[in-house]
Protein backbone atom coordinates (compact mmCIF):
# COMPACT_ATOMS: atom_id res chain seq x y z
CA MET A 1 -21.90 194.71 -79.23
CA ASN A 2 -18.17 194.12 -79.42
CA SER A 3 -16.20 196.93 -77.86
CA THR A 4 -13.15 198.22 -79.72
CA THR A 5 -11.67 200.41 -77.01
CA SER A 6 -12.12 201.35 -73.37
CA ILE A 7 -11.29 205.03 -73.89
CA LEU A 8 -13.89 207.64 -74.82
CA THR A 9 -11.74 210.37 -76.30
CA ASN A 10 -14.10 213.34 -76.08
CA LEU A 11 -15.49 212.80 -72.57
CA ARG A 12 -15.16 215.65 -70.06
CA PRO A 13 -17.23 217.76 -67.63
CA VAL A 14 -19.04 220.61 -69.36
CA GLY A 15 -16.86 223.70 -68.93
CA GLY A 16 -14.27 221.78 -66.93
CA THR A 17 -14.27 220.49 -63.37
CA ALA A 18 -13.77 223.88 -61.73
CA LEU A 19 -16.88 225.42 -63.32
CA GLN A 20 -19.08 222.78 -61.69
CA ALA A 21 -17.17 222.47 -58.41
CA ASP A 22 -20.02 223.89 -56.31
CA HIS A 23 -22.82 222.04 -58.13
CA HIS A 24 -24.73 219.15 -56.59
CA ARG A 25 -24.13 217.06 -59.70
CA THR A 26 -21.79 216.93 -62.68
CA VAL A 27 -22.93 217.28 -66.28
CA TYR A 28 -20.55 215.55 -68.69
CA ARG A 29 -20.25 215.87 -72.46
CA ALA A 30 -19.03 213.12 -74.80
CA ASN A 31 -18.88 211.59 -78.22
CA THR A 32 -20.35 208.15 -78.93
CA GLU A 33 -18.15 205.20 -79.83
CA PRO A 34 -18.39 201.41 -79.32
CA VAL A 35 -16.61 201.43 -75.97
CA ASP A 36 -16.92 199.43 -72.78
CA ALA A 37 -19.45 200.69 -70.25
CA ASP A 38 -16.65 201.34 -67.78
CA ALA A 39 -15.34 204.08 -70.10
CA TYR A 40 -18.09 206.28 -68.65
CA PRO A 41 -18.23 207.93 -65.23
CA ALA A 42 -19.73 205.64 -62.62
CA GLY A 43 -23.16 206.34 -61.23
CA LEU A 44 -24.68 208.37 -64.07
CA SER A 45 -28.34 209.12 -63.39
CA ALA A 46 -29.12 210.06 -66.99
CA VAL A 47 -27.67 209.74 -70.47
CA ILE A 48 -29.12 212.29 -72.92
CA ASP A 49 -28.38 211.08 -76.44
CA LEU A 50 -28.88 213.90 -78.97
CA ARG A 51 -28.43 211.74 -82.06
CA ARG A 52 -31.08 211.00 -84.68
CA VAL A 53 -32.94 207.69 -84.53
CA ASP A 54 -31.02 206.35 -87.56
CA GLU A 55 -27.73 207.18 -85.81
CA THR A 56 -28.69 205.42 -82.60
CA ALA A 57 -29.81 202.39 -84.61
CA ALA A 58 -26.53 202.25 -86.53
CA VAL A 59 -24.32 202.76 -83.46
CA PRO A 60 -26.26 201.86 -80.31
CA HIS A 61 -25.11 203.72 -77.25
CA PRO A 62 -23.08 201.51 -74.88
CA LEU A 63 -25.36 202.61 -72.02
CA ALA A 64 -28.63 202.27 -73.97
CA ALA A 65 -29.81 199.42 -71.74
CA THR A 66 -29.36 201.39 -68.52
CA PRO A 67 -32.45 202.88 -66.80
CA GLY A 68 -31.31 206.48 -67.24
CA TYR A 69 -30.71 206.36 -71.00
CA ARG A 70 -32.89 208.67 -73.07
CA GLY A 71 -32.87 209.31 -76.80
CA VAL A 72 -33.57 213.05 -77.15
CA PRO A 73 -32.87 213.89 -80.81
CA MET A 74 -31.85 217.53 -81.10
CA PHE A 75 -32.71 217.80 -84.77
CA ASP A 76 -36.44 218.40 -85.14
CA PRO A 77 -37.62 215.97 -87.87
CA SER A 78 -40.55 218.26 -88.70
CA SER A 79 -38.14 220.90 -90.03
CA GLY A 80 -37.19 218.71 -92.98
CA LEU A 81 -33.66 220.13 -92.95
CA GLU A 82 -30.84 220.03 -90.46
CA SER A 83 -29.87 223.61 -91.37
CA ALA A 84 -30.60 226.22 -94.00
CA ALA A 85 -28.88 225.73 -97.35
CA LYS A 86 -27.16 229.10 -97.01
CA ALA A 87 -25.69 228.14 -93.62
CA ILE A 88 -22.35 226.77 -94.76
CA ALA A 89 -19.93 227.80 -91.99
CA LEU A 90 -20.43 225.96 -88.70
CA GLU A 91 -21.24 229.12 -86.77
CA ASP A 92 -24.03 229.85 -89.27
CA GLN A 93 -25.33 226.29 -88.97
CA TYR A 94 -25.33 226.46 -85.18
CA ILE A 95 -27.12 229.82 -85.19
CA ASP A 96 -29.71 228.34 -87.55
CA TRP A 97 -30.17 225.39 -85.19
CA LEU A 98 -31.02 227.72 -82.30
CA ALA A 99 -34.34 228.50 -84.00
CA ARG A 100 -34.88 225.53 -86.33
CA HIS A 101 -34.28 222.91 -83.62
CA ARG A 102 -35.40 224.87 -80.60
CA SER A 103 -37.78 222.09 -79.50
CA GLY A 104 -34.95 219.54 -79.41
CA ILE A 105 -32.67 221.92 -77.53
CA ALA A 106 -35.46 222.58 -75.04
CA ASP A 107 -36.14 218.86 -74.60
CA ALA A 108 -32.47 218.16 -73.91
CA LEU A 109 -32.18 220.93 -71.33
CA ARG A 110 -35.43 219.87 -69.66
CA ALA A 111 -34.09 216.33 -69.36
CA ILE A 112 -30.96 217.67 -67.67
CA ALA A 113 -32.99 219.92 -65.36
CA ALA A 114 -35.19 217.00 -64.33
CA THR A 115 -32.22 214.86 -63.24
CA ASP A 116 -30.86 215.12 -59.69
CA GLY A 117 -27.71 213.09 -60.25
CA ASP A 118 -24.84 213.16 -62.72
CA VAL A 119 -25.76 213.52 -66.40
CA LEU A 120 -24.03 212.68 -69.66
CA VAL A 121 -24.96 214.64 -72.82
CA CYS A 122 -23.71 213.11 -76.04
CA CYS A 123 -24.03 212.99 -79.80
CA SER A 124 -21.87 211.39 -82.48
CA ALA A 125 -18.65 213.41 -82.22
CA GLY A 126 -19.58 215.26 -79.03
CA LYS A 127 -18.71 218.52 -80.79
CA ASP A 128 -21.69 220.05 -82.62
CA ARG A 129 -25.05 219.22 -81.03
CA THR A 130 -23.39 218.47 -77.71
CA GLY A 131 -21.34 221.63 -78.16
CA ILE A 132 -24.45 223.80 -78.44
CA VAL A 133 -26.09 222.33 -75.33
CA SER A 134 -22.80 222.51 -73.42
CA ALA A 135 -22.16 226.14 -74.35
CA LEU A 136 -25.67 227.20 -73.33
CA LEU A 137 -25.25 225.42 -69.99
CA ALA A 138 -21.80 226.89 -69.37
CA ARG A 139 -22.96 230.43 -70.10
CA HIS A 140 -26.02 229.93 -67.90
CA TRP A 141 -23.60 228.92 -65.13
CA GLY A 142 -21.62 232.14 -65.68
CA ASP A 143 -18.66 230.90 -67.70
CA SER A 144 -16.75 233.46 -69.77
CA LEU A 145 -16.93 233.60 -73.55
CA GLU A 146 -13.23 232.81 -73.72
CA ALA A 147 -13.60 229.70 -71.58
CA ILE A 148 -16.63 228.54 -73.58
CA GLY A 149 -14.68 228.92 -76.81
CA ASP A 150 -11.72 227.02 -75.38
CA ASP A 151 -13.97 224.19 -74.14
CA TYR A 152 -15.49 223.87 -77.61
CA ALA A 153 -12.08 223.89 -79.32
CA ALA A 154 -10.76 221.18 -76.96
CA SER A 155 -12.65 218.66 -79.09
CA ALA A 156 -10.22 219.21 -81.98
CA ALA A 157 -7.32 217.36 -80.36
CA ARG A 158 -9.57 214.76 -78.77
CA LEU A 159 -11.15 213.91 -82.14
CA ALA A 160 -7.95 214.05 -84.19
CA ASP A 161 -7.84 210.32 -84.94
CA ARG A 162 -11.55 210.20 -85.77
CA PHE A 163 -11.21 213.23 -88.03
CA ALA A 164 -8.27 211.63 -89.83
CA ARG A 165 -10.34 208.52 -90.55
CA GLU A 166 -13.21 210.65 -91.83
CA ARG A 167 -10.90 212.62 -94.13
CA ALA A 168 -9.39 209.41 -95.51
CA ALA A 169 -12.86 208.06 -96.34
CA SER A 170 -14.36 211.34 -97.59
CA THR A 171 -15.48 211.87 -101.17
CA ASP A 172 -15.99 215.57 -100.47
CA PRO A 173 -12.88 216.89 -98.72
CA GLU A 174 -14.17 220.47 -98.64
CA ALA A 175 -17.39 219.53 -96.87
CA THR A 176 -15.48 217.30 -94.47
CA ALA A 177 -13.07 220.13 -93.62
CA THR A 178 -16.02 222.45 -92.96
CA ALA A 179 -17.69 219.92 -90.65
CA GLN A 180 -14.46 219.26 -88.75
CA ARG A 181 -13.57 222.90 -88.12
CA CYS A 182 -13.22 223.35 -84.36
CA VAL A 183 -11.88 226.71 -83.17
CA PRO A 184 -12.98 228.90 -80.24
CA GLU A 185 -14.46 231.62 -82.46
CA ILE A 186 -17.21 229.31 -83.68
CA MET A 187 -18.87 228.93 -80.30
CA THR A 188 -18.13 232.43 -79.03
CA THR A 189 -19.86 233.75 -82.15
CA VAL A 190 -22.90 231.62 -81.37
CA ILE A 191 -23.18 232.76 -77.75
CA GLU A 192 -22.66 236.38 -78.78
CA HIS A 193 -25.54 235.94 -81.24
CA VAL A 194 -27.76 234.53 -78.50
CA GLU A 195 -27.06 237.51 -76.27
CA ARG A 196 -27.64 240.06 -79.04
CA ARG A 197 -30.83 238.39 -80.25
CA TRP A 198 -32.44 237.36 -76.95
CA GLY A 199 -30.55 239.40 -74.35
CA SER A 200 -29.08 236.47 -72.43
CA VAL A 201 -28.91 232.69 -72.50
CA ASP A 202 -31.61 232.51 -69.83
CA ASP A 203 -33.88 234.69 -71.96
CA TYR A 204 -33.24 232.38 -74.91
CA LEU A 205 -34.20 229.41 -72.75
CA ARG A 206 -37.44 231.14 -71.84
CA ALA A 207 -38.08 231.92 -75.51
CA ILE A 208 -37.82 228.22 -76.43
CA GLY A 209 -40.28 227.28 -73.71
CA LEU A 210 -38.38 226.52 -70.51
CA GLN A 211 -40.04 227.69 -67.33
CA ASP A 212 -38.14 229.62 -64.65
CA ALA A 213 -38.21 226.58 -62.35
CA GLU A 214 -36.61 224.45 -65.06
CA ILE A 215 -33.94 227.06 -65.69
CA ALA A 216 -33.22 227.24 -61.96
CA ALA A 217 -32.94 223.44 -61.83
CA LEU A 218 -30.14 223.56 -64.42
């Protein structure tokens, strides 16, 4: 594959470097673009790619040939839908995903828990599916709602050029604007829903099938 750039614009540690300072490994989040392999942190033990099979076929991950690469589609194909028709706003879509795609979320978190070394979690833009997994991890680690919202919203500036290209090519500007919305309140609303509905992020993880040992390994 011919690389077009050596910079991965939406790559960063989940929750920021300080949140993971006392961890034995670093979990990174990122978008997926045709970049050089050296755009990624050195020494990754696992790459957890949350994209659908058709997405990974269309844009193969630059690290797909490495031993730690794993395709772990977050969207459960058995659901038939990515989100409910009535879930228009992103926060409603994400909340719908928590139940509709619980098996994919669980698989992604299990893959992280099972890895001793540094991990990269990614999807297409590194904002939506990666955003959900990142927010759950950050809250499990004790991050504040404000910080989680800010980490989510940081993708807006990092994806500005990509979003501009998408808007220029869009035949449905309203839908594109909805998909690109990236403000702190989206993810804080989602985590607040988790804590109202299940009590805590850890209780949600148990509800989707993670065992206590797997949660501890996160």
